Protein backbone atom coordinates (compact mmCIF):
# COMPACT_ATOMS: atom_id res chain seq x y z
CA UNK A 1 -43.79 -29.92 17.10
CA UNK A 2 -43.04 -32.40 14.23
CA UNK A 3 -43.81 -29.65 11.64
CA UNK A 4 -41.47 -27.21 13.41
CA UNK A 5 -38.64 -29.77 13.37
CA UNK A 6 -39.22 -30.59 9.74
CA UNK A 7 -39.23 -26.90 8.90
CA UNK A 8 -35.99 -26.29 10.77
CA UNK A 9 -34.33 -29.29 9.06
CA UNK A 10 -35.39 -28.05 5.65
CA UNK A 11 -34.07 -24.62 6.43
CA UNK A 12 -30.70 -26.04 7.59
CA UNK A 13 -30.43 -28.19 4.43
CA UNK A 14 -31.21 -25.20 2.20
CA UNK A 15 -28.51 -23.17 3.88
CA UNK A 16 -26.01 -25.98 3.51
CA UNK A 17 -26.72 -26.23 -0.25
CA UNK A 18 -25.78 -22.58 -0.82
CA UNK A 19 -22.23 -22.05 -2.10
CA UNK A 20 -19.80 -20.87 0.60
CA UNK A 21 -18.38 -17.42 0.26
CA UNK A 22 -14.90 -17.62 -1.15
CA UNK A 23 -12.15 -15.20 -0.24
CA UNK A 24 -11.59 -13.36 -3.49
CA UNK A 25 -8.23 -11.67 -4.34
CA UNK A 26 -7.48 -9.08 -7.03
CA UNK A 27 -4.29 -10.01 -8.83
CA UNK A 28 -1.73 -8.48 -11.17
CA UNK A 29 1.37 -9.82 -12.93
CA UNK A 30 4.57 -10.10 -10.93
CA UNK A 31 5.98 -7.63 -13.54
CA UNK A 32 3.39 -4.92 -12.56
CA UNK A 33 4.80 -2.37 -10.15
CA UNK A 34 1.48 -2.11 -8.17
CA UNK A 35 1.59 -3.51 -4.65
CA UNK A 36 -1.76 -2.50 -3.05
CA UNK A 37 -5.10 -1.23 -4.17
CA UNK A 38 -8.36 -0.18 -2.50
CA UNK A 39 -11.78 -1.69 -3.54
CA UNK A 40 -12.83 1.70 -4.95
CA UNK A 41 -9.79 1.82 -7.19
CA UNK A 42 -10.19 -1.75 -8.46
CA UNK A 43 -13.79 -1.11 -9.27
CA UNK A 44 -12.83 1.68 -11.62
CA UNK A 45 -11.02 -0.83 -13.84
CA UNK A 46 -13.73 -3.48 -13.77
CA UNK A 47 -16.52 -0.99 -14.48
CA UNK A 48 -14.77 0.68 -17.39
CA UNK A 49 -14.09 4.02 -15.69
CA UNK A 50 -10.30 3.80 -16.09
CA UNK A 51 -8.02 2.10 -18.66
CA UNK A 52 -4.82 2.13 -16.57
CA UNK A 53 -5.20 -1.66 -16.23
CA UNK A 54 -6.79 -4.20 -18.53
CA UNK A 55 -9.45 -6.09 -16.60
CA UNK A 56 -9.81 -9.85 -17.04
CA UNK A 57 -13.11 -11.41 -16.01
CA UNK A 58 -14.50 -14.78 -14.90
CA UNK A 59 -17.40 -16.40 -16.83
CA UNK A 60 -20.67 -14.42 -16.78
CA UNK A 61 -22.50 -17.38 -15.04
CA UNK A 62 -19.91 -18.04 -12.36
CA UNK A 63 -20.58 -17.56 -8.69
CA UNK A 64 -17.21 -15.84 -8.10
CA UNK A 65 -18.09 -13.18 -10.67
CA UNK A 66 -21.35 -12.32 -9.00
CA UNK A 67 -19.74 -12.25 -5.54
CA UNK A 68 -16.83 -10.16 -6.80
CA UNK A 69 -18.98 -7.42 -8.28
CA UNK A 70 -21.27 -7.40 -5.22
CA UNK A 71 -18.24 -6.94 -2.95
CA UNK A 72 -16.30 -4.48 -5.05
CA UNK A 73 -19.12 -2.34 -6.47
CA UNK A 74 -22.36 -3.39 -4.76
CA UNK A 75 -23.73 -4.41 -8.13
CA UNK A 76 -25.42 -7.61 -9.31
CA UNK A 77 -24.52 -9.30 -12.64
CA UNK A 78 -27.46 -7.70 -14.45
CA UNK A 79 -26.40 -4.21 -13.32
CA UNK A 80 -22.83 -4.86 -14.42
CA UNK A 81 -24.01 -6.18 -17.82
CA UNK A 82 -26.19 -3.12 -18.32
CA UNK A 83 -23.27 -0.74 -17.50
CA UNK A 84 -20.98 -2.48 -19.91
CA UNK A 85 -23.66 -2.59 -22.65
CA UNK A 86 -23.95 1.17 -22.39
CA UNK A 87 -20.21 1.68 -22.49
CA UNK A 88 -19.77 -0.56 -25.57
CA UNK A 89 -22.74 1.04 -27.35
CA UNK A 90 -21.37 4.51 -26.84
CA UNK A 91 -17.91 3.41 -27.90
CA UNK A 92 -16.36 4.43 -24.54
CA UNK A 93 -14.91 1.07 -23.57
CA UNK A 94 -14.40 -2.57 -24.44
CA UNK A 95 -15.67 -5.11 -21.81
CA UNK A 96 -13.13 -7.37 -20.03
CA UNK A 97 -12.17 -10.55 -21.83
CA UNK A 98 -13.74 -13.56 -20.06
CA UNK A 99 -11.81 -16.66 -19.21
CA UNK A 100 -13.19 -20.07 -18.18
CA UNK A 101 -12.01 -20.23 -14.65
CA UNK A 102 -9.56 -18.93 -12.01
CA UNK A 103 -6.63 -20.86 -13.47
CA UNK A 104 -7.18 -19.32 -16.94
CA UNK A 105 -7.58 -15.80 -15.39
CA UNK A 106 -4.39 -16.33 -13.44
CA UNK A 107 -2.51 -17.45 -16.52
CA UNK A 108 -3.75 -14.40 -18.56
CA UNK A 109 -2.87 -11.94 -15.81
CA UNK A 110 0.64 -13.53 -15.31
CA UNK A 111 1.34 -13.05 -19.00
CA UNK A 112 0.32 -9.40 -19.23
CA UNK A 113 1.82 -6.62 -17.03
CA UNK A 114 -1.23 -4.41 -17.67
CA UNK A 115 -3.83 -7.03 -16.74
CA UNK A 116 -5.82 -7.12 -13.58
CA UNK A 117 -8.08 -10.05 -12.52
CA UNK A 118 -9.68 -11.68 -9.64
CA UNK A 119 -9.54 -15.27 -8.45
CA UNK A 120 -10.26 -17.41 -5.42
CA UNK A 121 -7.47 -16.96 -2.85
CA UNK A 122 -6.78 -20.67 -2.89
CA UNK A 123 -5.66 -20.43 -6.59
CA UNK A 124 -2.86 -17.92 -5.90
CA UNK A 125 0.65 -19.00 -6.69
CA UNK A 126 3.98 -17.19 -7.33
CA UNK A 127 3.07 -16.30 -10.99
CA UNK A 128 0.86 -13.44 -9.85
CA UNK A 129 0.79 -10.80 -7.11
CA UNK A 130 -2.17 -10.17 -4.77
CA UNK A 131 -2.94 -6.42 -4.45
CA UNK A 132 -6.33 -6.60 -2.77
CA UNK A 133 -8.18 -9.18 -0.66
CA UNK A 134 -11.94 -9.02 -0.52
CA UNK A 135 -13.34 -10.65 2.68
């Protein structure tokens, strides 16, 4: 019984240590005419399949980046990196510029009407427009 309780306690502590899922939003500049977008559309820009928007990315090692690509394209960071490596090697696309955090992504998107980025919903303010919310 004591072992079972210890095991349950360890499991509970391990789950508590995992980062909570954030509500991620896809954003554009207030100057951009877009008002809504579907996940499938947004994934086209972040996976180099369309150049209608200029994607802006979070740091490669960030939790929000891994969660974003999982939600929007069902891909893990290694799959996304491999995809971009192939596109760059063949000269078909340039990978998204990386910024240090949500505040920097928001600032870059706000300044460029063609930019599209993703941030934690809690970082949204009136400098950008939310066009997609990922649960």
